[in-house]
Protein backbone atom coordinates (compact mmCIF):
# COMPACT_ATOMS: atom_id res chain seq x y z
CA UNK A 1 -0.11 0.19 -0.02
CA UNK A 2 2.75 2.40 0.84
CA UNK A 3 4.51 1.41 -2.40
CA UNK A 4 1.21 2.56 -4.14
CA UNK A 5 0.97 5.67 -2.36
CA UNK A 6 4.44 6.60 -3.23
CA UNK A 7 3.99 5.88 -6.79
CA UNK A 8 1.00 8.26 -6.72
CA UNK A 9 2.81 11.01 -5.11
CA UNK A 10 5.66 10.82 -7.46
CA UNK A 11 3.12 10.84 -10.37
CA UNK A 12 1.54 13.84 -9.09
CA UNK A 13 4.81 15.63 -8.97
CA UNK A 14 5.35 14.79 -12.75
CA UNK A 15 1.90 16.34 -13.46
CA UNK A 16 0.87 19.97 -14.88
CA UNK A 17 -1.29 20.40 -12.01
CA UNK A 18 1.65 20.25 -9.46
CA UNK A 19 3.99 22.28 -11.29
CA UNK A 20 1.51 24.98 -12.38
CA UNK A 21 2.12 28.87 -11.36
CA UNK A 22 -0.37 31.58 -12.10
CA UNK A 23 2.24 32.52 -14.85
CA UNK A 24 1.51 29.48 -16.88
CA UNK A 25 -2.05 30.12 -16.57
CA UNK A 26 -1.77 33.74 -17.72
CA UNK A 27 0.09 32.84 -20.68
CA UNK A 28 -2.14 30.15 -21.63
CA UNK A 29 -5.04 32.52 -21.46
CA UNK A 30 -3.18 34.69 -23.78
CA UNK A 31 -2.70 31.87 -26.28
CA UNK A 32 -6.58 31.38 -26.25
CA UNK A 33 -6.95 34.99 -26.87
CA UNK A 34 -4.66 34.56 -29.67
CA UNK A 35 -6.58 31.58 -31.00
CA UNK A 36 -10.17 33.28 -30.55
CA UNK A 37 -9.04 36.47 -32.20
CA UNK A 38 -7.42 34.45 -35.32
CA UNK A 39 -11.01 32.42 -35.52
CA UNK A 40 -13.82 34.60 -34.54
CA UNK A 41 -12.24 38.18 -35.57
CA UNK A 42 -10.39 36.15 -38.47
CA UNK A 43 -7.48 38.73 -37.75
CA UNK A 44 -4.39 37.05 -39.42
CA UNK A 45 -5.70 33.52 -38.64
CA UNK A 46 -2.83 31.83 -40.53
CA UNK A 47 -0.47 33.42 -37.82
CA UNK A 48 -2.37 33.75 -34.52
CA UNK A 49 -3.64 30.28 -34.71
CA UNK A 50 -0.53 28.61 -34.80
CA UNK A 51 1.16 31.16 -32.41
CA UNK A 52 -1.72 30.94 -29.74
CA UNK A 53 -1.61 27.41 -30.01
CA UNK A 54 2.21 27.38 -29.40
CA UNK A 55 1.84 29.87 -26.49
CA UNK A 56 -0.23 26.93 -24.91
CA UNK A 57 2.23 24.20 -25.80
CA UNK A 58 4.87 26.26 -24.28
CA UNK A 59 3.33 26.83 -21.02
CA UNK A 60 1.83 23.40 -20.02
CA UNK A 61 3.71 23.19 -16.59
CA UNK A 62 6.12 20.64 -16.50
CA UNK A 63 8.68 18.88 -14.29
CA UNK A 64 12.19 19.87 -15.08
CA UNK A 65 14.46 17.77 -16.99
CA UNK A 66 12.16 15.65 -19.00
CA UNK A 67 13.89 16.99 -22.26
CA UNK A 68 10.72 18.06 -23.91
CA UNK A 69 10.80 21.88 -23.73
CA UNK A 70 11.49 24.17 -26.48
CA UNK A 71 14.84 25.37 -24.63
CA UNK A 72 15.89 21.88 -23.83
CA UNK A 73 18.73 20.73 -26.21
CA UNK A 74 17.85 18.02 -28.29
CA UNK A 75 13.98 17.99 -27.52
CA UNK A 76 11.82 17.84 -30.64
CA UNK A 77 10.45 21.47 -29.98
CA UNK A 78 13.77 22.73 -29.57
CA UNK A 79 15.20 21.04 -32.96
CA UNK A 80 12.22 22.77 -34.70
CA UNK A 81 13.11 25.99 -32.87
CA UNK A 82 16.59 26.08 -34.48
CA UNK A 83 14.75 27.23 -37.61
CA UNK A 84 13.83 30.28 -35.86
CA UNK A 85 17.01 30.78 -33.63
CA UNK A 86 19.25 30.32 -36.46
CA UNK A 87 17.26 32.25 -38.89
CA UNK A 88 16.41 29.58 -41.54
CA UNK A 89 12.78 30.12 -41.75
CA UNK A 90 12.80 33.90 -42.65
CA UNK A 91 14.53 33.43 -45.90
CA UNK A 92 12.08 30.57 -46.71
CA UNK A 93 9.00 33.03 -46.09
CA UNK A 94 10.29 35.48 -48.11
CA UNK A 95 11.16 33.01 -50.99
CA UNK A 96 7.21 32.35 -50.86
CA UNK A 97 6.47 36.19 -50.33
CA UNK A 98 8.48 36.85 -53.72
CA UNK A 99 6.25 34.00 -55.45
CA UNK A 100 3.14 35.30 -54.48
CA UNK A 101 3.98 39.26 -55.13
CA UNK A 102 3.02 41.39 -58.07
CA UNK A 103 5.58 44.15 -58.46
CA UNK A 104 3.65 45.80 -61.38
CA UNK A 105 2.37 48.38 -59.16
CA UNK A 106 5.58 49.70 -58.14
CA UNK A 107 7.01 49.20 -61.70
CA UNK A 108 4.51 51.30 -63.22
CA UNK A 109 4.89 54.16 -60.34
CA UNK A 110 8.33 53.81 -59.36
CA UNK A 111 8.01 57.44 -57.45
CA UNK A 112 5.62 55.67 -54.94
CA UNK A 113 8.87 53.83 -53.76
CA UNK A 114 9.79 56.80 -51.70
CA UNK A 115 6.68 56.06 -49.45
CA UNK A 116 7.82 52.70 -48.44
CA UNK A 117 11.28 54.37 -47.67
CA UNK A 118 9.56 57.13 -45.63
CA UNK A 119 7.73 54.79 -43.68
CA UNK A 120 11.06 52.85 -42.46
CA UNK A 121 11.84 56.14 -40.18
CA UNK A 122 9.61 54.21 -37.63
CA UNK A 123 12.23 51.40 -37.28
CA UNK A 124 15.16 54.05 -36.66
CA UNK A 125 13.10 56.17 -34.39
CA UNK A 126 12.14 53.23 -32.10
CA UNK A 127 15.96 52.16 -32.36
CA UNK A 128 16.72 55.59 -30.76
CA UNK A 129 13.96 55.55 -28.10
CA UNK A 130 14.82 51.90 -27.11
CA UNK A 131 18.48 53.06 -26.45
CA UNK A 132 16.94 56.15 -24.47
CA UNK A 133 15.17 53.85 -22.32
CA UNK A 134 18.10 51.51 -21.35
CA UNK A 135 18.22 48.70 -24.05
CA UNK A 136 21.50 47.89 -25.36
CA UNK A 137 22.38 49.07 -29.33
CA UNK A 138 21.78 45.22 -30.49
CA UNK A 139 18.63 44.85 -28.59
CA UNK A 140 17.44 48.40 -29.80
CA UNK A 141 17.78 47.43 -33.33
CA UNK A 142 16.01 44.20 -33.07
CA UNK A 143 12.95 45.87 -31.29
CA UNK A 144 13.09 48.74 -33.84
CA UNK A 145 12.24 46.55 -36.67
CA UNK A 146 9.06 45.65 -35.38
CA UNK A 147 7.92 48.96 -37.03
CA UNK A 148 8.34 47.52 -40.22
CA UNK A 149 5.47 45.55 -39.55
CA UNK A 150 7.17 42.30 -40.96
CA UNK A 151 7.08 39.21 -38.89
CA UNK A 152 9.97 37.20 -40.92
CA UNK A 153 12.29 40.09 -40.80
CA UNK A 154 11.93 40.64 -37.00
CA UNK A 155 12.62 37.00 -36.25
CA UNK A 156 15.71 37.20 -38.54
CA UNK A 157 17.14 40.37 -37.16
CA UNK A 158 16.39 39.39 -33.53
CA UNK A 159 18.00 36.11 -34.00
CA UNK A 160 21.35 37.61 -35.20
CA UNK A 161 20.98 40.48 -32.76
CA UNK A 162 19.10 39.72 -29.60
CA UNK A 163 18.10 36.13 -29.20
CA UNK A 164 17.33 36.36 -25.74
CA UNK A 165 14.41 38.91 -26.70
CA UNK A 166 13.20 37.10 -29.81
CA UNK A 167 10.13 35.53 -28.55
CA UNK A 168 8.76 38.73 -27.24
CA UNK A 169 9.80 40.46 -30.37
CA UNK A 170 8.50 37.89 -32.59
CA UNK A 171 5.00 37.82 -30.96
CA UNK A 172 4.97 41.37 -30.67
CA UNK A 173 5.75 42.14 -34.33
CA UNK A 174 3.05 39.31 -35.66
CA UNK A 175 0.31 40.71 -33.31
CA UNK A 176 0.90 44.32 -34.72
CA UNK A 177 0.69 42.71 -38.13
CA UNK A 178 -2.91 41.36 -36.96
CA UNK A 179 -3.84 44.51 -35.83
CA UNK A 180 -3.00 46.48 -38.98
CA UNK A 181 -6.66 47.65 -39.53
CA UNK A 182 -7.29 48.62 -35.90
CA UNK A 183 -4.15 50.88 -35.55
CA UNK A 184 -3.84 52.46 -38.87
CA UNK A 185 -7.25 53.54 -39.72
CA UNK A 186 -7.42 55.94 -36.69
CA UNK A 187 -4.39 57.63 -37.34
CA UNK A 188 -4.96 57.91 -41.29
CA UNK A 189 -8.34 59.61 -40.30
CA UNK A 190 -6.67 62.11 -37.94
CA UNK A 191 -3.80 63.09 -40.29
CA UNK A 192 -6.00 63.65 -43.31
CA UNK A 193 -8.81 66.14 -44.40
CA UNK A 194 -11.83 65.10 -46.27
CA UNK A 195 -10.48 66.86 -49.10
CA UNK A 196 -7.24 64.95 -49.08
CA UNK A 197 -9.20 61.54 -48.75
CA UNK A 198 -11.19 62.23 -51.91
CA UNK A 199 -7.97 62.63 -54.12
CA UNK A 200 -8.38 60.06 -57.16
CA UNK A 201 -5.06 58.88 -58.94
CA UNK A 202 -5.05 58.02 -62.53
CA UNK A 203 -4.95 54.02 -63.14
CA UNK A 204 -1.28 53.06 -63.31
CA UNK A 205 -0.12 52.10 -66.85
CA UNK A 206 0.20 48.34 -67.91
CA UNK A 207 3.45 46.57 -67.03
CA UNK A 208 5.30 44.43 -69.95
CA UNK A 209 6.31 40.77 -68.97
CA UNK A 210 9.95 41.90 -70.00
CA UNK A 211 9.67 44.58 -67.36
CA UNK A 212 8.40 41.95 -64.64
CA UNK A 213 11.43 39.77 -65.63
CA UNK A 214 13.84 42.21 -65.35
CA UNK A 215 13.03 43.85 -62.20
CA UNK A 216 13.74 41.15 -59.85
CA UNK A 217 17.37 40.77 -61.18
CA UNK A 218 17.96 44.75 -61.43
CA UNK A 219 16.07 45.02 -57.92
CA UNK A 220 18.29 42.20 -56.18
CA UNK A 221 21.59 43.63 -57.39
CA UNK A 222 20.90 47.38 -56.64
CA UNK A 223 19.86 46.32 -53.04
CA UNK A 224 22.24 43.78 -52.27
CA UNK A 225 25.18 46.25 -53.22
CA UNK A 226 23.91 48.85 -50.88
CA UNK A 227 23.48 46.44 -48.04
CA UNK A 228 25.07 42.95 -48.70
CA UNK A 229 24.19 42.03 -45.17
CA UNK A 230 20.35 41.80 -46.07
CA UNK A 231 21.34 39.36 -48.65
CA UNK A 232 19.56 36.17 -47.02
CA UNK A 233 16.07 37.88 -47.34
CA UNK A 234 16.62 40.27 -50.37
CA UNK A 235 18.07 37.39 -52.36
CA UNK A 236 15.33 35.04 -51.60
CA UNK A 237 12.47 37.76 -52.16
CA UNK A 238 13.66 38.75 -55.53
CA UNK A 239 14.22 35.05 -56.59
CA UNK A 240 10.80 34.20 -55.37
CA UNK A 241 9.69 36.70 -57.88
CA UNK A 242 11.69 35.53 -60.70
CA UNK A 243 10.30 32.03 -60.11
CA UNK A 244 6.69 33.79 -60.54
CA UNK A 245 7.37 36.12 -63.44
CA UNK A 246 9.99 34.04 -65.87
CA UNK A 247 7.09 32.06 -66.85
CA UNK A 248 9.02 28.77 -67.21
CA UNK A 249 9.43 27.96 -63.47
CA UNK A 250 5.70 27.75 -62.64
CA UNK A 251 5.92 24.44 -60.84
CA UNK A 252 8.56 25.96 -58.26
CA UNK A 253 6.72 29.32 -57.82
CA UNK A 254 3.51 27.24 -56.82
CA UNK A 255 5.45 25.31 -54.61
CA UNK A 256 7.15 28.12 -53.18
CA UNK A 257 3.93 30.18 -52.49
CA UNK A 258 1.94 27.26 -51.67
CA UNK A 259 3.11 24.32 -49.55
CA UNK A 260 6.53 25.41 -48.59
CA UNK A 261 5.48 28.98 -47.20
CA UNK A 262 2.49 27.17 -45.37
CA UNK A 263 4.54 24.52 -43.63
CA UNK A 264 7.33 27.21 -42.60
CA UNK A 265 4.76 29.66 -41.36
CA UNK A 266 3.01 26.84 -39.24
CA UNK A 267 6.45 25.76 -37.93
CA UNK A 268 7.44 29.57 -37.45
CA UNK A 269 4.01 30.15 -35.67
CA UNK A 270 4.15 27.21 -33.35
CA UNK A 271 7.80 27.51 -32.22
CA UNK A 272 7.62 31.20 -31.70
CA UNK A 273 4.41 30.70 -29.60
CA UNK A 274 6.25 27.94 -27.75
CA UNK A 275 9.09 30.21 -26.84
CA UNK A 276 7.00 32.46 -24.87
CA UNK A 277 7.46 30.15 -21.67
CA UNK A 278 5.94 32.35 -18.63
CA UNK A 279 9.39 32.56 -16.65
CA UNK A 280 11.16 34.13 -19.96
CA UNK A 281 8.25 36.00 -21.44
CA UNK A 282 6.48 37.61 -18.36
CA UNK A 283 8.99 40.02 -17.71
CA UNK A 284 9.31 43.99 -17.70
CA UNK A 285 11.29 43.85 -20.77
CA UNK A 286 8.59 41.94 -22.83
CA UNK A 287 6.01 44.70 -21.58
CA UNK A 288 8.49 47.66 -22.67
CA UNK A 289 8.96 45.64 -26.23
CA UNK A 290 5.35 45.79 -26.64
CA UNK A 291 5.18 49.45 -25.91
CA UNK A 292 8.22 50.14 -28.12
CA UNK A 293 6.93 48.06 -30.79
CA UNK A 294 3.61 49.57 -30.80
CA UNK A 295 5.24 53.18 -30.83
CA UNK A 296 7.40 52.11 -33.92
CA UNK A 297 4.28 50.93 -35.75
CA UNK A 298 2.53 54.27 -35.16
CA UNK A 299 5.45 56.14 -36.17
CA UNK A 300 6.05 54.17 -39.12
CA UNK A 301 2.43 54.81 -40.56
CA UNK A 302 2.57 58.52 -39.60
CA UNK A 303 5.47 59.26 -41.32
CA UNK A 304 4.24 57.31 -44.42
CA UNK A 305 0.98 59.51 -44.29
CA UNK A 306 2.70 62.74 -43.76
CA UNK A 307 5.39 62.36 -46.25
CA UNK A 308 2.66 62.27 -48.80
CA UNK A 309 1.19 65.51 -47.50
CA UNK A 310 4.31 67.36 -47.74
CA UNK A 311 5.17 65.58 -51.31
CA UNK A 312 1.59 67.18 -52.41
CA UNK A 313 2.89 70.45 -51.71
CA UNK A 314 5.24 70.25 -54.74
CA UNK A 315 3.01 68.31 -56.95
CA UNK A 316 0.58 69.78 -59.58
CA UNK A 317 -3.05 68.82 -59.47
CA UNK A 318 -3.57 65.67 -61.29
CA UNK A 319 -0.29 64.44 -60.11
CA UNK A 320 -0.95 64.54 -56.56
CA UNK A 321 -1.08 61.33 -54.65
CA UNK A 322 -3.96 60.32 -52.03
CA UNK A 323 -2.33 60.37 -48.55
CA UNK A 324 -4.18 57.55 -47.23
CA UNK A 325 -1.84 55.25 -49.24
CA UNK A 326 1.00 56.41 -46.90
CA UNK A 327 0.17 54.00 -44.31
CA UNK A 328 0.84 51.03 -46.69
CA UNK A 329 4.63 51.96 -46.55
CA UNK A 330 4.96 49.55 -43.74
CA UNK A 331 5.42 45.66 -45.21
CA UNK A 332 2.45 44.15 -44.21
CA UNK A 333 1.26 42.92 -47.50
CA UNK A 334 -1.38 43.30 -48.41
CA UNK A 335 -3.21 44.25 -45.21
CA UNK A 336 -2.32 47.67 -45.18
CA UNK A 337 -2.96 48.18 -48.92
CA UNK A 338 -6.40 47.00 -48.34
CA UNK A 339 -6.64 49.39 -45.19
CA UNK A 340 -5.84 52.14 -47.76
CA UNK A 341 -8.73 50.92 -50.07
CA UNK A 342 -11.22 50.37 -47.20
CA UNK A 343 -10.90 54.07 -45.75
CA UNK A 344 -10.60 55.51 -49.35
CA UNK A 345 -13.90 53.70 -50.40
CA UNK A 346 -15.46 55.26 -47.20
CA UNK A 347 -14.75 58.77 -48.38
CA UNK A 348 -15.49 58.08 -51.75
CA UNK A 349 -17.11 54.73 -53.11
CA UNK A 350 -15.80 55.28 -56.50
CA UNK A 351 -12.17 55.63 -55.54
CA UNK A 352 -9.94 52.47 -55.64
CA UNK A 353 -6.83 52.86 -54.03
CA UNK A 354 -5.66 49.30 -53.76
CA UNK A 355 -3.59 48.82 -56.76
CA UNK A 356 -1.81 52.21 -56.02
CA UNK A 357 -1.15 51.42 -52.42
CA UNK A 358 0.56 48.31 -53.47
CA UNK A 359 3.38 50.08 -54.62
CA UNK A 360 4.40 51.27 -51.42
CA UNK A 361 3.26 48.22 -49.81
CA UNK A 362 5.85 45.77 -51.57
CA UNK A 363 8.35 48.63 -51.63
CA UNK A 364 7.83 48.46 -47.89
CA UNK A 365 8.61 44.64 -47.95
CA UNK A 366 11.91 45.53 -49.76
CA UNK A 367 12.60 48.52 -47.41
CA UNK A 368 12.14 46.46 -44.30
CA UNK A 369 14.75 44.00 -45.48
CA UNK A 370 17.13 46.96 -46.61
CA UNK A 371 16.59 48.39 -42.91
CA UNK A 372 17.56 44.97 -41.27
CA UNK A 373 20.65 44.93 -43.54
CA UNK A 374 21.48 48.33 -42.24
CA UNK A 375 20.93 47.71 -38.77
CA UNK A 376 22.86 44.32 -38.89
CA UNK A 377 25.84 45.79 -40.61
CA UNK A 378 26.70 48.18 -37.90
CA UNK A 379 25.36 46.13 -34.71
CA UNK A 380 25.84 42.65 -35.60
């Protein structure tokens, strides 16, 4: 009888109930909220559902030494997490993004690339603010990239500069990507007048297939020569686009933008979520990172809209740009461009801004990768 009782006591010590703390329960609740937002609100469900379930996985209380946690060497979760920690997954995501992105809007209106560049100011502003509040320069650089609203880029840079903060930075970046419509719309309405929101832009010109094929080659060479440190992201982005536009590698393009990106997105979501163990995530630094990430995102949206307003002062009527597409300078493709379209249609049901907004939107993808390369070059 005594042996049975000892066995039951030992079994109890290995259960989650015996090892549970309020921090574990708090994180599990956060995971459930992420899943709920993804399913009920349909806010980036392909990201929030895997991340939310990963948060639950990572916060099941366990007896130490079982070699199953994401931070325990040799465990299955730890092996899968190496794709995040070593920066393998983000370039594969960029390959898929390139294979599903149409750069026609940017090719037809290259001047709108400047909007994507202006929005990257949020990254460097947050970098300076993070240093001012006490973060080390490398940590500040990894936090600042959240302003680009690009989860893979945030993971790639934080894996190089601040691996200890990667979980908080990745969850923060993906959270704000999902909240793009909620965060950006009030800023856009606040910074623009009704007259500005009514500006109609002429339809972009048709782009030839030859231009579409040349663009990824020339684009990669130009950007890679400027920031060679951004080569893993830029190279895979433009290579994926070349697969799409060449017309002779359709199978490769379909694989890159379909099964490959789906598998990698799932692995990123689950492992990033699992990395948010309560003892490592529920810290003052994590809360500060979320605050700085929001600040970075707000600044990026604001500078994009204000840049267009300033630019319009020097443009003639008929050439003016609707400042509502300024928000699309962040690289949350195509969500921020859809916000431009939605807000524009609310002001003028006949006004279609989506194709115009896609130009700074895809420029923002390139810009965030370039910004990551810049930060990596002097902080890495």
